[in-house]
Amino acid sequence: MDKVLVILPDNNKGKYVAKGYSNAFKELSYFVVEKKIYDLNINEIKKISPNIIFCYWSSSMNKGELIDFLLNVSESSKIVYLAEAKGEIPENLTKRENSYAFYYEGVKAKNKLLPAVNIKDYKFKFNRYKYGITFAGNPSYPLREKILSGLIMSYGNINIFCRSFDFYKSADEIEAKKLLTGRFLDLYRSSYRGYVENTKELAEIYISSKINIDLPNPNKSEMNYRCLEITASGGFLIAPEYKNIEKRFELGKEIEVYNNSVDLTDKIEFYLRNLNIAQLISAKGRRNTASNYSYADRVKKIIKEIYGKDIGNR
């Protein structure tokens, strides 16, 4: 039985992704060992002697010791890297023998792995709406701050879930830029709802929100992991018009998209008045996600690439 070492990053998104791949390897009958990034020990790993090492390359990781570790593991171990976009993983790692790098965007099909989600982790029964407009993610990017400020002026309180550091950084930047002042700035500061610890809490938030919005990230052009978390939860999603998103979901039937802040406001207005339509769209979006975005399918592609044949199922 092949052994797989899955390295768990030190941020929540990275942990969710790494755990998803870990569970998929287990489902496909691989022996899996999980190690937190700060618990890696070269001598211990030599005893385990993994055939495959899986590493989700998160931009927020402490990489110095990790790079040293990866450069010193046995060359017989196949190292699989997954990152958001090409260029994030150091070249000395990707050039190592038996190294395989996959990315969400900016590469040819051979090296592309679309985001995936374990839909079972996001199962939560709808009870009632607790929130109106919700954004869960880091708000402290200039374009995000501008869009959120516009929503505050249009709707008053919204619901923002993220790390407290990121939220208060965005509030200070919004104040410094005078995007919001006085009462509106107070409304923004009172929109903070805290930090979400796990997928069950996320699923409850997404399915209990009338509108879930995703906001543009200047460093990413394609659909991100958050979109899958929302649709897996059965939440209604309005996302930026990402590159190729029309190939991932049927627009207006499985998710909704917007191309500017005015369009976003128009879409929010429409769906707040027509929640029954939003519910139909979110149900279809969840079915699409369950059918096309499983970690098991992604692991099978990895196995085919590194071994040259389909041996994902044992």
C-alpha atoms as a PDB file:
ATOM      1  CA  MET A   1       0.000   0.000   0.000  1.00  0.00           C
ATOM      2  CA  ASP A   2       1.429   3.379  -1.013  1.00  0.00           C
ATOM      3  CA  LYS A   3       2.027   5.843   1.816  1.00  0.00           C
ATOM      4  CA  VAL A   4       1.111   9.505   1.494  1.00  0.00           C
ATOM      5  CA  LEU A   5       2.355  12.314   3.723  1.00  0.00           C
ATOM      6  CA  VAL A   6      -0.006  15.298   3.714  1.00  0.00           C
ATOM      7  CA  ILE A   7       1.504  18.513   5.086  1.00  0.00           C
ATOM      8  CA  LEU A   8      -1.087  20.648   6.868  1.00  0.00           C
ATOM      9  CA  PRO A   9      -0.450  24.414   6.446  1.00  0.00           C
ATOM     10  CA  ASP A  10      -0.825  26.867   9.315  1.00  0.00           C
ATOM     11  CA  ASN A  11      -3.816  28.772   7.937  1.00  0.00           C
ATOM     12  CA  ASN A  12      -7.467  27.713   7.814  1.00  0.00           C
ATOM     13  CA  LYS A  13      -7.978  27.700   4.057  1.00  0.00           C
ATOM     14  CA  GLY A  14      -4.811  25.660   3.544  1.00  0.00           C
ATOM     15  CA  LYS A  15      -5.897  23.174   6.221  1.00  0.00           C
ATOM     16  CA  TYR A  16      -9.312  22.722   4.593  1.00  0.00           C
ATOM     17  CA  VAL A  17      -7.730  22.045   1.201  1.00  0.00           C
ATOM     18  CA  ALA A  18      -5.000  19.735   2.563  1.00  0.00           C
ATOM     19  CA  LYS A  19      -7.556  17.819   4.659  1.00  0.00           C
ATOM     20  CA  GLY A  20      -9.745  17.440   1.581  1.00  0.00           C
ATOM     21  CA  TYR A  21      -6.905  15.834  -0.355  1.00  0.00           C
ATOM     22  CA  SER A  22      -5.959  13.728   2.661  1.00  0.00           C
ATOM     23  CA  ASN A  23      -9.468  12.285   2.905  1.00  0.00           C
ATOM     24  CA  ALA A  24      -9.567  11.649  -0.844  1.00  0.00           C
ATOM     25  CA  PHE A  25      -6.304   9.668  -0.715  1.00  0.00           C
ATOM     26  CA  LYS A  26      -7.795   7.620   2.129  1.00  0.00           C
ATOM     27  CA  GLU A  27     -10.998   7.000   0.151  1.00  0.00           C
ATOM     28  CA  LEU A  28      -8.832   5.683  -2.680  1.00  0.00           C
ATOM     29  CA  SER A  29      -7.136   3.224  -0.276  1.00  0.00           C
ATOM     30  CA  TYR A  30      -3.828   5.009   0.322  1.00  0.00           C
ATOM     31  CA  PHE A  31      -2.201   4.949   3.761  1.00  0.00           C
ATOM     32  CA  VAL A  32      -2.140   8.610   4.839  1.00  0.00           C
ATOM     33  CA  VAL A  33      -0.088  10.382   7.491  1.00  0.00           C
ATOM     34  CA  GLU A  34      -0.940  14.003   8.281  1.00  0.00           C
ATOM     35  CA  LYS A  35       1.676  16.327   9.759  1.00  0.00           C
ATOM     36  CA  LYS A  36       1.306  19.974  10.714  1.00  0.00           C
ATOM     37  CA  ILE A  37       3.845  22.191   9.022  1.00  0.00           C
ATOM     38  CA  TYR A  38       5.619  22.973  12.312  1.00  0.00           C
ATOM     39  CA  ASP A  39       5.758  19.283  13.360  1.00  0.00           C
ATOM     40  CA  LEU A  40       7.832  18.051  10.401  1.00  0.00           C
ATOM     41  CA  ASN A  41      10.855  15.996  11.397  1.00  0.00           C
ATOM     42  CA  ILE A  42      13.141  14.635   8.699  1.00  0.00           C
ATOM     43  CA  ASN A  43      14.188  11.558  10.717  1.00  0.00           C
ATOM     44  CA  GLU A  44      10.591  10.677  11.526  1.00  0.00           C
ATOM     45  CA  ILE A  45       9.578  11.043   7.881  1.00  0.00           C
ATOM     46  CA  LYS A  46      12.449   8.779   6.824  1.00  0.00           C
ATOM     47  CA  LYS A  47      10.962   6.066   9.028  1.00  0.00           C
ATOM     48  CA  ILE A  48       7.558   6.537   7.426  1.00  0.00           C
ATOM     49  CA  SER A  49       9.177   6.565   3.957  1.00  0.00           C
ATOM     50  CA  PRO A  50       6.221   8.090   2.067  1.00  0.00           C
ATOM     51  CA  ASN A  51       5.776   7.347  -1.620  1.00  0.00           C
ATOM     52  CA  ILE A  52       3.990  10.674  -2.088  1.00  0.00           C
ATOM     53  CA  ILE A  53       4.260  13.959  -0.186  1.00  0.00           C
ATOM     54  CA  PHE A  54       1.382  16.389  -0.764  1.00  0.00           C
ATOM     55  CA  CYS A  55       1.912  20.075   0.017  1.00  0.00           C
ATOM     56  CA  TYR A  56      -0.616  22.863  -0.483  1.00  0.00           C
ATOM     57  CA  TRP A  57       1.565  25.941  -0.993  1.00  0.00           C
ATOM     58  CA  SER A  58      -0.173  28.745   0.894  1.00  0.00           C
ATOM     59  CA  SER A  59       1.080  32.314   0.599  1.00  0.00           C
ATOM     60  CA  SER A  60       0.746  32.792   4.368  1.00  0.00           C
ATOM     61  CA  MET A  61       2.957  29.856   5.355  1.00  0.00           C
ATOM     62  CA  ASN A  62       6.278  30.151   7.163  1.00  0.00           C
ATOM     63  CA  LYS A  63       8.297  28.676   4.317  1.00  0.00           C
ATOM     64  CA  GLY A  64      11.948  28.690   5.440  1.00  0.00           C
ATOM     65  CA  GLU A  65      11.963  25.476   7.453  1.00  0.00           C
ATOM     66  CA  LEU A  66       9.500  23.862   5.040  1.00  0.00           C
ATOM     67  CA  ILE A  67      11.798  24.453   2.068  1.00  0.00           C
ATOM     68  CA  ASP A  68      14.745  22.945   3.983  1.00  0.00           C
ATOM     69  CA  PHE A  69      12.622  19.945   4.862  1.00  0.00           C
ATOM     70  CA  LEU A  70      11.422  19.352   1.296  1.00  0.00           C
ATOM     71  CA  LEU A  71      14.932  19.640  -0.126  1.00  0.00           C
ATOM     72  CA  ASN A  72      16.194  16.999   2.310  1.00  0.00           C
ATOM     73  CA  VAL A  73      13.554  14.285   1.995  1.00  0.00           C
ATOM     74  CA  SER A  74      14.380  11.176   0.025  1.00  0.00           C
ATOM     75  CA  GLU A  75      14.490  11.677  -3.739  1.00  0.00           C
ATOM     76  CA  SER A  76      12.434   8.521  -4.105  1.00  0.00           C
ATOM     77  CA  SER A  77       9.427  10.333  -2.615  1.00  0.00           C
ATOM     78  CA  LYS A  78       7.257  12.030  -5.206  1.00  0.00           C
ATOM     79  CA  ILE A  79       6.431  15.549  -4.011  1.00  0.00           C
ATOM     80  CA  VAL A  80       3.161  17.057  -5.209  1.00  0.00           C
ATOM     81  CA  TYR A  81       2.715  20.808  -4.836  1.00  0.00           C
ATOM     82  CA  LEU A  82      -0.544  22.679  -5.255  1.00  0.00           C
ATOM     83  CA  ALA A  83      -0.578  26.492  -5.447  1.00  0.00           C
ATOM     84  CA  GLU A  84      -2.919  29.252  -6.572  1.00  0.00           C
ATOM     85  CA  ALA A  85      -0.840  30.360  -9.566  1.00  0.00           C
ATOM     86  CA  LYS A  86       2.436  29.597 -11.319  1.00  0.00           C
ATOM     87  CA  GLY A  87       5.471  31.264  -9.788  1.00  0.00           C
ATOM     88  CA  GLU A  88       4.428  30.885  -6.149  1.00  0.00           C
ATOM     89  CA  ILE A  89       6.510  27.742  -5.541  1.00  0.00           C
ATOM     90  CA  PRO A  90      10.302  28.304  -5.408  1.00  0.00           C
ATOM     91  CA  GLU A  91      12.090  27.070  -8.528  1.00  0.00           C
ATOM     92  CA  ASN A  92      14.596  24.978  -6.572  1.00  0.00           C
ATOM     93  CA  LEU A  93      11.672  22.883  -5.309  1.00  0.00           C
ATOM     94  CA  THR A  94       9.893  22.420  -8.629  1.00  0.00           C
ATOM     95  CA  LYS A  95      13.184  21.428 -10.353  1.00  0.00           C
ATOM     96  CA  ARG A  96      13.865  18.702  -7.802  1.00  0.00           C
ATOM     97  CA  GLU A  97      13.589  15.194  -9.261  1.00  0.00           C
ATOM     98  CA  ASN A  98      10.184  13.589  -8.718  1.00  0.00           C
ATOM     99  CA  SER A  99       8.494  16.949  -8.087  1.00  0.00           C
ATOM    100  CA  TYR A 100       5.112  17.770  -9.603  1.00  0.00           C
ATOM    101  CA  ALA A 101       3.505  21.217  -9.413  1.00  0.00           C
ATOM    102  CA  PHE A 102      -0.177  21.893 -10.014  1.00  0.00           C
ATOM    103  CA  TYR A 103      -1.911  25.259 -10.038  1.00  0.00           C
ATOM    104  CA  TYR A 104      -5.426  26.680 -10.056  1.00  0.00           C
ATOM    105  CA  GLU A 105      -4.713  29.164 -12.844  1.00  0.00           C
ATOM    106  CA  GLY A 106      -2.192  30.522 -15.326  1.00  0.00           C
ATOM    107  CA  VAL A 107      -0.995  27.163 -16.671  1.00  0.00           C
ATOM    108  CA  LYS A 108      -1.705  24.578 -19.355  1.00  0.00           C
ATOM    109  CA  ALA A 109      -4.303  21.873 -18.741  1.00  0.00           C
ATOM    110  CA  LYS A 110      -1.686  19.282 -17.766  1.00  0.00           C
ATOM    111  CA  ASN A 111      -0.664  21.291 -14.699  1.00  0.00           C
ATOM    112  CA  LYS A 112      -4.092  22.684 -13.866  1.00  0.00           C
ATOM    113  CA  LEU A 113      -6.149  21.421 -10.935  1.00  0.00           C
ATOM    114  CA  LEU A 114      -9.459  23.194 -10.475  1.00  0.00           C
ATOM    115  CA  PRO A 115     -10.431  23.852  -6.853  1.00  0.00           C
ATOM    116  CA  ALA A 116     -12.301  21.031  -5.125  1.00  0.00           C
ATOM    117  CA  VAL A 117     -14.455  20.641  -2.048  1.00  0.00           C
ATOM    118  CA  ASN A 118     -15.744  17.809   0.130  1.00  0.00           C
ATOM    119  CA  ILE A 119     -19.448  18.481  -0.048  1.00  0.00           C
ATOM    120  CA  LYS A 120     -20.125  16.326   3.035  1.00  0.00           C
ATOM    121  CA  ASP A 121     -18.173  18.795   5.167  1.00  0.00           C
ATOM    122  CA  TYR A 122     -20.570  21.576   4.187  1.00  0.00           C
ATOM    123  CA  LYS A 123     -23.847  19.788   4.821  1.00  0.00           C
ATOM    124  CA  PHE A 124     -26.135  21.895   7.007  1.00  0.00           C
ATOM    125  CA  LYS A 125     -29.928  21.835   6.978  1.00  0.00           C
ATOM    126  CA  PHE A 126     -31.579  25.156   6.223  1.00  0.00           C
ATOM    127  CA  ASN A 127     -33.626  26.416   9.152  1.00  0.00           C
ATOM    128  CA  ARG A 128     -34.166  30.125   8.610  1.00  0.00           C
ATOM    129  CA  TYR A 129     -32.378  33.189   7.283  1.00  0.00           C
ATOM    130  CA  LYS A 130     -30.153  34.750   9.943  1.00  0.00           C
ATOM    131  CA  TYR A 131     -28.223  37.120   7.688  1.00  0.00           C
ATOM    132  CA  GLY A 132     -28.937  39.404   4.760  1.00  0.00           C
ATOM    133  CA  ILE A 133     -25.789  40.127   2.735  1.00  0.00           C
ATOM    134  CA  THR A 134     -22.684  38.164   3.762  1.00  0.00           C
ATOM    135  CA  PHE A 135     -19.008  38.221   2.858  1.00  0.00           C
ATOM    136  CA  ALA A 136     -16.598  35.730   4.462  1.00  0.00           C
ATOM    137  CA  GLY A 137     -13.000  36.527   3.601  1.00  0.00           C
ATOM    138  CA  ASN A 138     -10.252  39.110   3.918  1.00  0.00           C
ATOM    139  CA  PRO A 139     -11.768  42.559   3.223  1.00  0.00           C
ATOM    140  CA  SER A 140      -8.470  44.483   3.281  1.00  0.00           C
ATOM    141  CA  TYR A 141      -7.879  44.887  -0.470  1.00  0.00           C
ATOM    142  CA  PRO A 142      -8.548  48.309  -2.041  1.00  0.00           C
ATOM    143  CA  LEU A 143     -11.232  47.130  -4.489  1.00  0.00           C
ATOM    144  CA  ARG A 144     -12.943  45.029  -1.829  1.00  0.00           C
ATOM    145  CA  GLU A 145     -12.980  47.979   0.570  1.00  0.00           C
ATOM    146  CA  LYS A 146     -14.531  50.165  -2.122  1.00  0.00           C
ATOM    147  CA  ILE A 147     -17.269  47.629  -2.916  1.00  0.00           C
ATOM    148  CA  LEU A 148     -18.035  46.947   0.748  1.00  0.00           C
ATOM    149  CA  SER A 149     -18.228  50.676   1.436  1.00  0.00           C
ATOM    150  CA  GLY A 150     -20.779  51.012  -1.356  1.00  0.00           C
ATOM    151  CA  LEU A 151     -22.856  48.189   0.093  1.00  0.00           C
ATOM    152  CA  ILE A 152     -22.804  49.825   3.526  1.00  0.00           C
ATOM    153  CA  MET A 153     -24.130  53.071   2.047  1.00  0.00           C
ATOM    154  CA  SER A 154     -26.862  51.149   0.190  1.00  0.00           C
ATOM    155  CA  TYR A 155     -27.925  48.634   2.838  1.00  0.00           C
ATOM    156  CA  GLY A 156     -26.532  49.732   6.216  1.00  0.00           C
ATOM    157  CA  ASN A 157     -25.199  46.772   8.173  1.00  0.00           C
ATOM    158  CA  ILE A 158     -23.915  43.774   6.248  1.00  0.00           C
ATOM    159  CA  ASN A 159     -22.164  40.682   7.644  1.00  0.00           C
ATOM    160  CA  ILE A 160     -18.384  40.287   7.407  1.00  0.00           C
ATOM    161  CA  PHE A 161     -16.634  37.177   8.729  1.00  0.00           C
ATOM    162  CA  CYS A 162     -12.817  37.165   8.845  1.00  0.00           C
ATOM    163  CA  ARG A 163      -9.808  37.485  11.127  1.00  0.00           C
ATOM    164  CA  SER A 164     -10.115  40.494  13.424  1.00  0.00           C
ATOM    165  CA  PHE A 165      -6.724  41.813  12.272  1.00  0.00           C
ATOM    166  CA  ASP A 166      -7.850  41.880   8.628  1.00  0.00           C
ATOM    167  CA  PHE A 167     -11.176  43.496   9.453  1.00  0.00           C
ATOM    168  CA  TYR A 168      -9.817  46.319  11.579  1.00  0.00           C
ATOM    169  CA  LYS A 169      -7.062  46.929   9.041  1.00  0.00           C
ATOM    170  CA  SER A 170      -9.751  47.384   6.384  1.00  0.00           C
ATOM    171  CA  ALA A 171     -11.770  49.683   8.675  1.00  0.00           C
ATOM    172  CA  ASP A 172      -8.725  51.873   9.297  1.00  0.00           C
ATOM    173  CA  GLU A 173      -7.949  52.010   5.567  1.00  0.00           C
ATOM    174  CA  ILE A 174     -11.563  52.876   4.721  1.00  0.00           C
ATOM    175  CA  GLU A 175     -11.438  55.692   7.253  1.00  0.00           C
ATOM    176  CA  ALA A 176      -8.058  56.962   5.985  1.00  0.00           C
ATOM    177  CA  LYS A 177      -9.291  56.997   2.372  1.00  0.00           C
ATOM    178  CA  LYS A 178     -12.583  58.596   3.488  1.00  0.00           C
ATOM    179  CA  LEU A 179     -14.567  55.922   1.665  1.00  0.00           C
ATOM    180  CA  LEU A 180     -16.919  56.062   4.651  1.00  0.00           C
ATOM    181  CA  THR A 181     -17.300  58.669   7.367  1.00  0.00           C
ATOM    182  CA  GLY A 182     -19.485  59.307  10.396  1.00  0.00           C
ATOM    183  CA  ARG A 183     -22.524  57.037  10.721  1.00  0.00           C
ATOM    184  CA  PHE A 184     -21.586  54.932   7.692  1.00  0.00           C
ATOM    185  CA  LEU A 185     -18.130  54.226   9.108  1.00  0.00           C
ATOM    186  CA  ASP A 186     -19.775  53.182  12.379  1.00  0.00           C
ATOM    187  CA  LEU A 187     -22.083  50.862  10.417  1.00  0.00           C
ATOM    188  CA  TYR A 188     -19.074  49.280   8.740  1.00  0.00           C
ATOM    189  CA  ARG A 189     -17.317  48.686  12.044  1.00  0.00           C
ATOM    190  CA  SER A 190     -20.484  47.119  13.463  1.00  0.00           C
ATOM    191  CA  SER A 191     -20.718  44.725  10.492  1.00  0.00           C
ATOM    192  CA  TYR A 192     -17.940  42.528  11.850  1.00  0.00           C
ATOM    193  CA  ARG A 193     -19.277  39.116  12.901  1.00  0.00           C
ATOM    194  CA  GLY A 194     -16.105  37.344  13.991  1.00  0.00           C
ATOM    195  CA  TYR A 195     -13.802  34.607  12.766  1.00  0.00           C
ATOM    196  CA  VAL A 196     -15.119  31.274  11.486  1.00  0.00           C
ATOM    197  CA  GLU A 197     -13.345  28.239  12.928  1.00  0.00           C
ATOM    198  CA  ASN A 198     -14.571  25.301  10.832  1.00  0.00           C
ATOM    199  CA  THR A 199     -16.520  24.160   7.780  1.00  0.00           C
ATOM    200  CA  LYS A 200     -19.702  23.396   9.752  1.00  0.00           C
ATOM    201  CA  GLU A 201     -19.846  26.997  10.970  1.00  0.00           C
ATOM    202  CA  LEU A 202     -19.167  28.260   7.443  1.00  0.00           C
ATOM    203  CA  ALA A 203     -21.914  26.065   5.998  1.00  0.00           C
ATOM    204  CA  GLU A 204     -24.439  27.391   8.524  1.00  0.00           C
ATOM    205  CA  ILE A 205     -23.498  30.988   7.686  1.00  0.00           C
ATOM    206  CA  TYR A 206     -23.690  30.483   3.921  1.00  0.00           C
ATOM    207  CA  ILE A 207     -27.019  28.648   3.848  1.00  0.00           C
ATOM    208  CA  SER A 208     -28.501  31.077   6.401  1.00  0.00           C
ATOM    209  CA  SER A 209     -27.586  34.147   4.319  1.00  0.00           C
ATOM    210  CA  LYS A 210     -29.982  35.547   1.752  1.00  0.00           C
ATOM    211  CA  ILE A 211     -27.077  36.733  -0.400  1.00  0.00           C
ATOM    212  CA  ASN A 212     -23.451  35.526  -0.279  1.00  0.00           C
ATOM    213  CA  ILE A 213     -21.058  37.717  -2.224  1.00  0.00           C
ATOM    214  CA  ASP A 214     -17.551  36.948  -3.370  1.00  0.00           C
ATOM    215  CA  LEU A 215     -15.259  39.914  -3.973  1.00  0.00           C
ATOM    216  CA  PRO A 216     -12.426  40.336  -6.521  1.00  0.00           C
ATOM    217  CA  ASN A 217      -8.857  39.527  -5.552  1.00  0.00           C
ATOM    218  CA  PRO A 218      -6.290  41.428  -7.666  1.00  0.00           C
ATOM    219  CA  ASN A 219      -3.972  38.401  -7.539  1.00  0.00           C
ATOM    220  CA  LYS A 220      -6.492  35.907  -8.937  1.00  0.00           C
ATOM    221  CA  SER A 221      -8.405  35.816 -12.198  1.00  0.00           C
ATOM    222  CA  GLU A 222     -10.272  32.501 -11.951  1.00  0.00           C
ATOM    223  CA  MET A 223     -12.976  31.187  -9.650  1.00  0.00           C
ATOM    224  CA  ASN A 224     -11.721  30.611  -6.128  1.00  0.00           C
ATOM    225  CA  TYR A 225     -12.252  28.114  -3.328  1.00  0.00           C
ATOM    226  CA  ARG A 226     -14.784  30.351  -1.555  1.00  0.00           C
ATOM    227  CA  CYS A 227     -17.223  29.942  -4.462  1.00  0.00           C
ATOM    228  CA  LEU A 228     -17.203  26.191  -3.963  1.00  0.00           C
ATOM    229  CA  GLU A 229     -17.642  26.503  -0.201  1.00  0.00           C
ATOM    230  CA  ILE A 230     -20.736  28.649  -0.715  1.00  0.00           C
ATOM    231  CA  THR A 231     -22.301  26.424  -3.368  1.00  0.00           C
ATOM    232  CA  ALA A 232     -21.428  23.228  -1.453  1.00  0.00           C
ATOM    233  CA  SER A 233     -23.288  24.672   1.537  1.00  0.00           C
ATOM    234  CA  GLY A 234     -26.389  25.332  -0.543  1.00  0.00           C
ATOM    235  CA  GLY A 235     -25.908  29.093  -0.201  1.00  0.00           C
ATOM    236  CA  PHE A 236     -26.839  31.542  -2.924  1.00  0.00           C
ATOM    237  CA  LEU A 237     -23.737  33.064  -4.536  1.00  0.00           C
ATOM    238  CA  ILE A 238     -23.133  36.279  -6.470  1.00  0.00           C
ATOM    239  CA  ALA A 239     -19.517  36.154  -7.680  1.00  0.00           C
ATOM    240  CA  PRO A 240     -17.273  38.414  -9.779  1.00  0.00           C
ATOM    241  CA  GLU A 241     -17.262  37.545 -13.461  1.00  0.00           C
ATOM    242  CA  TYR A 242     -14.154  35.400 -13.151  1.00  0.00           C
ATOM    243  CA  LYS A 243     -12.284  34.105 -16.189  1.00  0.00           C
ATOM    244  CA  ASN A 244     -13.887  30.856 -17.438  1.00  0.00           C
ATOM    245  CA  ILE A 245     -16.550  30.877 -14.709  1.00  0.00           C
ATOM    246  CA  GLU A 246     -19.202  30.255 -17.371  1.00  0.00           C
ATOM    247  CA  LYS A 247     -17.445  26.918 -18.028  1.00  0.00           C
ATOM    248  CA  ARG A 248     -17.753  25.956 -14.354  1.00  0.00           C
ATOM    249  CA  PHE A 249     -21.346  27.002 -13.615  1.00  0.00           C
ATOM    250  CA  GLU A 250     -24.397  27.921 -15.652  1.00  0.00           C
ATOM    251  CA  LEU A 251     -24.769  31.630 -14.978  1.00  0.00           C
ATOM    252  CA  GLY A 252     -28.169  32.754 -13.715  1.00  0.00           C
ATOM    253  CA  LYS A 253     -29.171  29.135 -13.112  1.00  0.00           C
ATOM    254  CA  GLU A 254     -26.503  27.720 -10.748  1.00  0.00           C
ATOM    255  CA  ILE A 255     -24.824  30.926  -9.553  1.00  0.00           C
ATOM    256  CA  GLU A 256     -25.082  34.624 -10.352  1.00  0.00           C
ATOM    257  CA  VAL A 257     -22.217  36.932 -11.404  1.00  0.00           C
ATOM    258  CA  TYR A 258     -21.564  40.672 -11.560  1.00  0.00           C
ATOM    259  CA  ASN A 259     -19.095  42.784 -13.556  1.00  0.00           C
ATOM    260  CA  ASN A 260     -19.046  46.032 -11.532  1.00  0.00           C
ATOM    261  CA  SER A 261     -20.379  47.491  -8.299  1.00  0.00           C
ATOM    262  CA  VAL A 262     -23.524  48.903  -9.933  1.00  0.00           C
ATOM    263  CA  ASP A 263     -24.311  45.507 -11.451  1.00  0.00           C
ATOM    264  CA  LEU A 264     -23.723  43.891  -8.046  1.00  0.00           C
ATOM    265  CA  THR A 265     -26.198  46.246  -6.368  1.00  0.00           C
ATOM    266  CA  ASP A 266     -28.773  45.611  -9.099  1.00  0.00           C
ATOM    267  CA  LYS A 267     -28.407  41.841  -8.684  1.00  0.00           C
ATOM    268  CA  ILE A 268     -28.656  42.072  -4.889  1.00  0.00           C
ATOM    269  CA  GLU A 269     -31.828  44.171  -5.179  1.00  0.00           C
ATOM    270  CA  PHE A 270     -33.408  41.665  -7.565  1.00  0.00           C
ATOM    271  CA  TYR A 271     -32.651  38.562  -5.512  1.00  0.00           C
ATOM    272  CA  LEU A 272     -33.630  40.127  -2.184  1.00  0.00           C
ATOM    273  CA  ARG A 273     -37.042  40.665  -3.792  1.00  0.00           C
ATOM    274  CA  ASN A 274     -37.046  37.156  -5.305  1.00  0.00           C
ATOM    275  CA  LEU A 275     -35.615  34.810  -2.685  1.00  0.00           C
ATOM    276  CA  ASN A 276     -37.510  31.876  -4.220  1.00  0.00           C
ATOM    277  CA  ILE A 277     -35.452  32.255  -7.409  1.00  0.00           C
ATOM    278  CA  ALA A 278     -32.247  32.516  -5.367  1.00  0.00           C
ATOM    279  CA  GLN A 279     -33.156  29.265  -3.591  1.00  0.00           C
ATOM    280  CA  LEU A 280     -33.683  27.437  -6.894  1.00  0.00           C
ATOM    281  CA  ILE A 281     -30.335  28.679  -8.171  1.00  0.00           C
ATOM    282  CA  SER A 282     -28.497  27.658  -4.985  1.00  0.00           C
ATOM    283  CA  ALA A 283     -29.996  24.134  -5.109  1.00  0.00           C
ATOM    284  CA  LYS A 284     -28.762  23.667  -8.698  1.00  0.00           C
ATOM    285  CA  GLY A 285     -25.383  25.138  -7.790  1.00  0.00           C
ATOM    286  CA  ARG A 286     -24.974  22.613  -4.996  1.00  0.00           C
ATOM    287  CA  ARG A 287     -25.745  19.718  -7.353  1.00  0.00           C
ATOM    288  CA  ASN A 288     -23.142  20.975  -9.844  1.00  0.00           C
ATOM    289  CA  THR A 289     -20.532  21.273  -7.094  1.00  0.00           C
ATOM    290  CA  ALA A 290     -21.255  17.776  -5.781  1.00  0.00           C
ATOM    291  CA  SER A 291     -20.957  16.294  -9.294  1.00  0.00           C
ATOM    292  CA  ASN A 292     -17.899  18.114 -10.634  1.00  0.00           C
ATOM    293  CA  TYR A 293     -15.675  19.357  -7.819  1.00  0.00           C
ATOM    294  CA  SER A 294     -14.707  16.377  -5.662  1.00  0.00           C
ATOM    295  CA  TYR A 295     -11.227  15.892  -4.205  1.00  0.00           C
ATOM    296  CA  ALA A 296     -11.268  12.253  -5.327  1.00  0.00           C
ATOM    297  CA  ASP A 297     -11.384  13.326  -8.982  1.00  0.00           C
ATOM    298  CA  ARG A 298      -8.466  15.703  -8.407  1.00  0.00           C
ATOM    299  CA  VAL A 299      -6.393  12.974  -6.705  1.00  0.00           C
ATOM    300  CA  LYS A 300      -7.011  10.643  -9.637  1.00  0.00           C
ATOM    301  CA  LYS A 301      -5.599  13.283 -11.994  1.00  0.00           C
ATOM    302  CA  ILE A 302      -2.523  13.673  -9.767  1.00  0.00           C
ATOM    303  CA  ILE A 303      -1.940   9.916  -9.694  1.00  0.00           C
ATOM    304  CA  LYS A 304      -2.301   9.642 -13.457  1.00  0.00           C
ATOM    305  CA  GLU A 305       0.204  12.470 -13.954  1.00  0.00           C
ATOM    306  CA  ILE A 306       2.894  11.186 -11.586  1.00  0.00           C
ATOM    307  CA  TYR A 307       2.616   7.470 -12.412  1.00  0.00           C
ATOM    308  CA  GLY A 308       1.508   7.724 -16.045  1.00  0.00           C
ATOM    309  CA  LYS A 309      -1.571   5.540 -15.633  1.00  0.00           C
ATOM    310  CA  ASP A 310      -4.868   5.328 -13.793  1.00  0.00           C
ATOM    311  CA  ILE A 311      -4.183   3.675 -10.462  1.00  0.00           C
ATOM    312  CA  GLY A 312      -6.281   5.928  -8.235  1.00  0.00           C
ATOM    313  CA  ASN A 313      -8.677   3.161  -7.193  1.00  0.00           C
ATOM    314  CA  ARG A 314      -7.130   0.270  -5.285  1.00  0.00           C
END
